[in-house]
């Protein structure tokens, strides 16, 4: 991309830019804060989606939470209403909407509610996802369909319905919670159905970023390490894995950098969280800061 460039680590950096600096630095042209911006976040009642919502709320953003959970889950904390209360408490404006993104009529109705309340849409975060780490013969078609209709189809559907509104925004973004694309067989063999469903979200980035180049910034973000969410603990289990994970805040902070950059310049990327965060002490994001990076639990699709 033209202005998203690598600079020598010894150069003086423009303070209006966000900077990633390991050996080299990547510059994110900064477009401002999220104050007054309207975000639609799928799966935002808990976990990473809620962390991104909290970050936006601190700027005074409008946040629409689209999720299915209206009553407390026996094992997972959070509903669309508790998420909305947190957003309001932090200074944002919230709109909790019960919505199953597998169904087109529900998505169309939900987006209409957002536009009617806030007057438009500036940012879409496709965070909702389903996971089943099962080999082929052990994958019920119900699980296969759930993953593909939420992950790939749900991302495509929400994007499709939001795009006409995003095109009216001053600096629109779509951000998918999906991984870098690797065609190595090791990422397909153990759970081919899940891999295809998640990779479909990343392929939406490749296609839509090209289709709407110069109009909408379309990117993906993915964690280098496991993230200590209740959903991950529930799906994968193990307190030791949680101890070797990072907090949700790293994805919220990385997403904020992307979403406050100029959309026409930051487009078509499959980012890793710590590549975006830049020259800070990443240990502050660790559940247990005493554990070195090489001993942390890597996320899926990280070579």
Protein backbone atom coordinates (compact mmCIF):
# COMPACT_ATOMS: atom_id res chain seq x y z
CA UNK A 1 0.00 0.00 0.00
CA UNK A 2 1.21 3.47 -0.87
CA UNK A 3 1.55 5.13 2.52
CA UNK A 4 1.75 2.04 4.73
CA UNK A 5 5.50 1.70 4.45
CA UNK A 6 8.59 0.42 6.16
CA UNK A 7 10.92 3.02 7.63
CA UNK A 8 14.42 2.78 9.02
CA UNK A 9 14.34 2.27 12.79
CA UNK A 10 16.64 5.26 13.33
CA UNK A 11 14.42 7.79 11.58
CA UNK A 12 12.38 10.33 13.54
CA UNK A 13 8.74 9.25 13.44
CA UNK A 14 5.85 11.64 12.80
CA UNK A 15 3.89 11.80 16.11
CA UNK A 16 0.61 11.72 14.18
CA UNK A 17 1.38 8.17 13.08
CA UNK A 18 1.06 4.89 14.92
CA UNK A 19 4.30 2.96 14.67
CA UNK A 20 5.27 -0.70 14.68
CA UNK A 21 8.95 -1.07 15.48
CA UNK A 22 10.74 -4.36 15.89
CA UNK A 23 13.73 -4.39 13.56
CA UNK A 24 11.91 -2.04 11.24
CA UNK A 25 8.81 0.07 11.77
CA UNK A 26 5.51 0.01 9.96
CA UNK A 27 3.69 3.31 9.81
CA UNK A 28 -0.09 3.51 10.09
CA UNK A 29 -1.33 6.87 8.79
CA UNK A 30 -3.63 8.03 11.59
CA UNK A 31 -7.10 9.40 10.79
CA UNK A 32 -8.20 10.36 14.30
CA UNK A 33 -10.14 8.79 17.16
CA UNK A 34 -13.35 6.77 17.19
CA UNK A 35 -15.34 9.56 18.85
CA UNK A 36 -18.79 9.69 17.27
CA UNK A 37 -18.04 6.74 14.98
CA UNK A 38 -20.58 3.92 14.73
CA UNK A 39 -19.27 0.37 15.02
CA UNK A 40 -21.14 -2.87 14.36
CA UNK A 41 -19.50 -5.78 16.19
CA UNK A 42 -20.73 -9.35 15.72
CA UNK A 43 -20.27 -11.70 18.65
CA UNK A 44 -19.64 -8.71 20.89
CA UNK A 45 -21.32 -9.84 24.08
CA UNK A 46 -18.07 -11.22 25.52
CA UNK A 47 -14.43 -11.95 24.81
CA UNK A 48 -12.50 -10.25 22.04
CA UNK A 49 -15.55 -8.54 20.54
CA UNK A 50 -16.40 -6.95 23.88
CA UNK A 51 -12.76 -5.91 24.41
CA UNK A 52 -12.83 -4.03 21.09
CA UNK A 53 -16.17 -2.48 22.06
CA UNK A 54 -14.74 -1.29 25.39
CA UNK A 55 -11.78 0.32 23.65
CA UNK A 56 -14.07 2.15 21.21
CA UNK A 57 -16.40 3.23 24.03
CA UNK A 58 -13.56 5.05 25.78
CA UNK A 59 -13.36 7.33 22.73
CA UNK A 60 -17.10 8.00 22.86
CA UNK A 61 -18.08 5.73 19.97
CA UNK A 62 -21.51 4.32 19.17
CA UNK A 63 -21.36 0.54 19.39
CA UNK A 64 -23.98 -1.91 18.14
CA UNK A 65 -23.55 -5.35 19.67
CA UNK A 66 -24.93 -8.15 17.49
CA UNK A 67 -25.05 -11.50 19.28
CA UNK A 68 -27.46 -14.27 20.19
CA UNK A 69 -27.00 -14.20 23.94
CA UNK A 70 -29.77 -12.44 25.83
CA UNK A 71 -29.81 -14.76 28.86
CA UNK A 72 -26.71 -15.79 30.86
CA UNK A 73 -24.89 -18.85 29.54
CA UNK A 74 -24.17 -21.53 32.16
CA UNK A 75 -20.43 -21.49 31.35
CA UNK A 76 -19.78 -18.24 29.46
CA UNK A 77 -20.26 -14.83 31.04
CA UNK A 78 -21.91 -11.95 29.26
CA UNK A 79 -25.04 -11.04 27.32
CA UNK A 80 -25.80 -8.27 24.83
CA UNK A 81 -27.29 -6.31 27.73
CA UNK A 82 -24.30 -6.63 30.09
CA UNK A 83 -22.04 -5.65 27.17
CA UNK A 84 -24.19 -2.59 26.47
CA UNK A 85 -24.03 -1.57 30.12
CA UNK A 86 -20.21 -1.73 30.06
CA UNK A 87 -20.07 0.35 26.88
CA UNK A 88 -22.32 3.04 28.35
CA UNK A 89 -20.35 3.12 31.59
CA UNK A 90 -17.12 3.75 29.66
CA UNK A 91 -18.58 6.72 27.79
CA UNK A 92 -19.92 5.17 24.62
CA UNK A 93 -23.44 4.75 23.30
CA UNK A 94 -24.66 1.18 22.99
CA UNK A 95 -27.28 -0.65 20.97
CA UNK A 96 -27.72 -4.30 21.99
CA UNK A 97 -29.36 -6.36 19.24
CA UNK A 98 -30.19 -10.03 19.42
CA UNK A 99 -29.14 -11.33 16.02
CA UNK A 100 -28.15 -14.70 14.59
CA UNK A 101 -25.94 -13.78 11.64
CA UNK A 102 -26.77 -17.05 9.90
CA UNK A 103 -30.11 -15.57 8.88
CA UNK A 104 -30.32 -12.84 6.27
CA UNK A 105 -33.60 -11.40 7.50
CA UNK A 106 -32.19 -10.93 11.02
CA UNK A 107 -29.05 -9.25 9.71
CA UNK A 108 -30.99 -6.87 7.46
CA UNK A 109 -33.30 -5.97 10.34
CA UNK A 110 -30.38 -5.45 12.74
CA UNK A 111 -28.46 -3.16 10.39
CA UNK A 112 -31.60 -1.12 9.79
CA UNK A 113 -31.91 -0.66 13.56
CA UNK A 114 -28.31 0.57 13.73
CA UNK A 115 -28.77 3.07 10.91
CA UNK A 116 -32.10 4.29 12.29
CA UNK A 117 -30.54 4.94 15.71
CA UNK A 118 -27.12 6.29 14.81
CA UNK A 119 -27.61 7.60 11.26
CA UNK A 120 -25.05 5.39 9.53
CA UNK A 121 -22.22 2.87 9.95
CA UNK A 122 -18.50 3.62 9.93
CA UNK A 123 -16.93 0.33 10.99
CA UNK A 124 -17.83 -3.36 10.83
CA UNK A 125 -15.98 -5.87 13.01
CA UNK A 126 -16.67 -9.46 11.94
CA UNK A 127 -15.80 -11.19 15.19
CA UNK A 128 -18.49 -13.88 15.54
CA UNK A 129 -17.13 -17.37 14.99
CA UNK A 130 -17.79 -21.03 15.71
CA UNK A 131 -15.14 -23.68 16.36
CA UNK A 132 -15.05 -27.47 16.29
CA UNK A 133 -11.57 -29.00 16.17
CA UNK A 134 -12.61 -32.38 14.84
CA UNK A 135 -11.23 -34.65 12.09
CA UNK A 136 -13.34 -35.32 9.02
CA UNK A 137 -15.23 -38.46 10.04
CA UNK A 138 -15.89 -37.08 13.52
CA UNK A 139 -17.36 -33.79 12.27
CA UNK A 140 -21.17 -33.88 12.30
CA UNK A 141 -22.61 -31.98 9.37
CA UNK A 142 -24.47 -29.87 11.91
CA UNK A 143 -21.09 -28.64 13.21
CA UNK A 144 -19.76 -28.17 9.69
CA UNK A 145 -22.78 -26.11 8.72
CA UNK A 146 -22.62 -24.06 11.92
CA UNK A 147 -18.98 -23.09 11.33
CA UNK A 148 -19.46 -22.22 7.69
CA UNK A 149 -22.70 -20.30 8.12
CA UNK A 150 -21.32 -18.23 11.00
CA UNK A 151 -17.67 -17.83 10.03
CA UNK A 152 -17.56 -17.50 6.24
CA UNK A 153 -21.18 -16.91 5.27
CA UNK A 154 -21.93 -14.71 8.27
CA UNK A 155 -18.90 -12.53 7.54
CA UNK A 156 -19.87 -12.22 3.88
CA UNK A 157 -23.51 -11.49 4.72
CA UNK A 158 -22.81 -8.82 7.34
CA UNK A 159 -20.27 -7.18 5.04
CA UNK A 160 -22.68 -7.24 2.10
CA UNK A 161 -25.46 -5.57 4.12
CA UNK A 162 -23.16 -2.98 5.75
CA UNK A 163 -21.17 -1.97 2.66
CA UNK A 164 -23.79 0.43 1.20
CA UNK A 165 -23.71 2.32 4.50
CA UNK A 166 -19.92 2.12 4.87
CA UNK A 167 -19.51 3.71 1.45
CA UNK A 168 -21.19 6.84 2.84
CA UNK A 169 -18.72 7.09 5.73
CA UNK A 170 -15.70 9.40 5.83
CA UNK A 171 -13.20 6.66 6.79
CA UNK A 172 -14.87 3.23 6.68
CA UNK A 173 -13.29 -0.02 7.80
CA UNK A 174 -14.13 -3.71 7.84
CA UNK A 175 -12.03 -5.78 10.25
CA UNK A 176 -12.32 -9.57 10.31
CA UNK A 177 -11.10 -11.70 13.19
CA UNK A 178 -9.38 -14.23 10.94
CA UNK A 179 -5.91 -15.70 10.35
CA UNK A 180 -3.11 -15.31 7.85
CA UNK A 181 -3.52 -17.75 4.98
CA UNK A 182 -1.11 -20.68 4.96
CA UNK A 183 -1.54 -23.56 2.56
CA UNK A 184 0.53 -25.91 4.69
CA UNK A 185 -1.22 -29.25 5.11
CA UNK A 186 -0.63 -29.26 8.88
CA UNK A 187 -3.32 -26.57 9.27
CA UNK A 188 -5.89 -28.63 7.36
CA UNK A 189 -5.24 -32.22 8.42
CA UNK A 190 -6.44 -32.16 12.05
CA UNK A 191 -9.58 -30.02 11.49
CA UNK A 192 -10.21 -29.34 7.81
CA UNK A 193 -13.80 -28.13 8.34
CA UNK A 194 -12.78 -25.46 10.85
CA UNK A 195 -9.79 -24.36 8.78
CA UNK A 196 -11.90 -23.86 5.67
CA UNK A 197 -14.46 -21.86 7.64
CA UNK A 198 -11.86 -19.51 9.15
CA UNK A 199 -9.89 -19.17 5.93
CA UNK A 200 -13.12 -18.14 4.22
CA UNK A 201 -13.18 -15.05 6.45
CA UNK A 202 -9.64 -14.16 5.36
CA UNK A 203 -10.51 -14.70 1.72
CA UNK A 204 -13.32 -12.17 2.19
CA UNK A 205 -10.57 -9.71 3.12
CA UNK A 206 -8.58 -10.44 -0.03
CA UNK A 207 -11.62 -10.11 -2.28
CA UNK A 208 -13.37 -7.12 -0.69
CA UNK A 209 -10.17 -5.15 -0.15
CA UNK A 210 -9.54 -5.32 -3.88
CA UNK A 211 -13.17 -4.73 -4.82
CA UNK A 212 -13.44 -1.62 -2.61
CA UNK A 213 -9.85 -0.39 -2.85
CA UNK A 214 -9.67 3.32 -2.10
CA UNK A 215 -13.18 3.28 -0.62
CA UNK A 216 -13.16 0.91 2.39
CA UNK A 217 -10.21 -0.39 4.39
CA UNK A 218 -10.71 -4.16 4.64
CA UNK A 219 -8.27 -6.05 6.86
CA UNK A 220 -7.98 -9.00 9.25
CA UNK A 221 -6.40 -9.30 12.68
CA UNK A 222 -5.27 -12.51 14.39
CA UNK A 223 -3.42 -13.25 17.64
CA UNK A 224 0.06 -14.72 17.63
CA UNK A 225 -0.64 -16.51 20.91
CA UNK A 226 -3.75 -18.00 22.43
CA UNK A 227 -6.03 -15.40 24.02
CA UNK A 228 -7.34 -15.98 27.53
CA UNK A 229 -11.07 -15.82 26.87
CA UNK A 230 -13.73 -17.85 28.62
CA UNK A 231 -14.78 -19.22 25.23
CA UNK A 232 -11.26 -20.55 24.55
CA UNK A 233 -11.09 -22.12 28.00
CA UNK A 234 -14.47 -23.72 27.42
CA UNK A 235 -13.58 -25.04 23.94
CA UNK A 236 -9.95 -26.06 24.52
CA UNK A 237 -9.78 -26.42 28.30
CA UNK A 238 -6.86 -26.19 30.65
CA UNK A 239 -5.74 -23.61 33.15
CA UNK A 240 -2.12 -24.09 32.03
CA UNK A 241 -2.98 -23.04 28.48
CA UNK A 242 -4.77 -19.98 29.82
CA UNK A 243 -1.67 -19.09 31.88
CA UNK A 244 0.41 -19.24 28.69
CA UNK A 245 -1.94 -16.91 26.83
CA UNK A 246 -2.29 -13.18 26.32
CA UNK A 247 -5.16 -10.97 27.44
CA UNK A 248 -7.88 -9.76 25.09
CA UNK A 249 -6.52 -6.21 25.43
CA UNK A 250 -3.78 -6.88 22.86
CA UNK A 251 -6.36 -7.46 20.14
CA UNK A 252 -8.42 -4.49 21.26
CA UNK A 253 -5.37 -2.21 21.12
CA UNK A 254 -4.21 -3.58 17.75
CA UNK A 255 -7.72 -3.27 16.30
CA UNK A 256 -7.92 0.34 17.51
CA UNK A 257 -4.72 1.22 15.65
CA UNK A 258 -6.10 -0.27 12.43
CA UNK A 259 -9.55 1.27 12.80
CA UNK A 260 -8.18 4.77 13.47
CA UNK A 261 -5.85 4.65 10.47
CA UNK A 262 -6.70 6.03 7.03
CA UNK A 263 -8.75 3.37 5.30
CA UNK A 264 -7.47 4.04 1.79
CA UNK A 265 -3.89 3.38 2.91
CA UNK A 266 -4.39 0.45 5.28
CA UNK A 267 -6.15 -2.16 3.19
CA UNK A 268 -5.89 -5.83 2.27
CA UNK A 269 -3.74 -6.99 5.19
CA UNK A 270 -3.89 -10.13 7.30
CA UNK A 271 -2.26 -8.67 10.41
CA UNK A 272 -0.92 -10.37 13.54
CA UNK A 273 -1.70 -8.48 16.74
CA UNK A 274 1.81 -7.90 18.04
CA UNK A 275 3.01 -6.76 14.60
CA UNK A 276 0.50 -3.94 14.82
CA UNK A 277 1.04 -2.98 18.47
CA UNK A 278 4.63 -1.91 17.94
CA UNK A 279 7.45 -0.87 20.27
CA UNK A 280 5.91 -1.53 23.66
CA UNK A 281 6.54 -4.03 26.42
CA UNK A 282 4.26 -6.86 25.28
CA UNK A 283 4.55 -8.56 28.67
CA UNK A 284 1.78 -6.30 29.92
CA UNK A 285 -0.60 -8.34 27.76
CA UNK A 286 0.53 -11.71 29.17
CA UNK A 287 -1.62 -13.51 31.70
CA UNK A 288 1.65 -14.57 33.33
CA UNK A 289 4.41 -12.07 32.42
CA UNK A 290 7.11 -14.43 33.67
CA UNK A 291 6.55 -16.79 30.74
CA UNK A 292 8.76 -15.98 27.70
CA UNK A 293 7.19 -15.74 24.25
CA UNK A 294 8.73 -19.00 23.04
CA UNK A 295 6.96 -20.85 25.87
CA UNK A 296 3.53 -19.31 25.32
CA UNK A 297 0.70 -21.18 23.60
CA UNK A 298 0.71 -20.25 19.92
CA UNK A 299 -2.61 -19.72 18.21
CA UNK A 300 -3.75 -21.76 15.24
CA UNK A 301 -2.31 -20.98 11.78
CA UNK A 302 0.87 -19.39 13.17
CA UNK A 303 3.95 -20.91 11.49
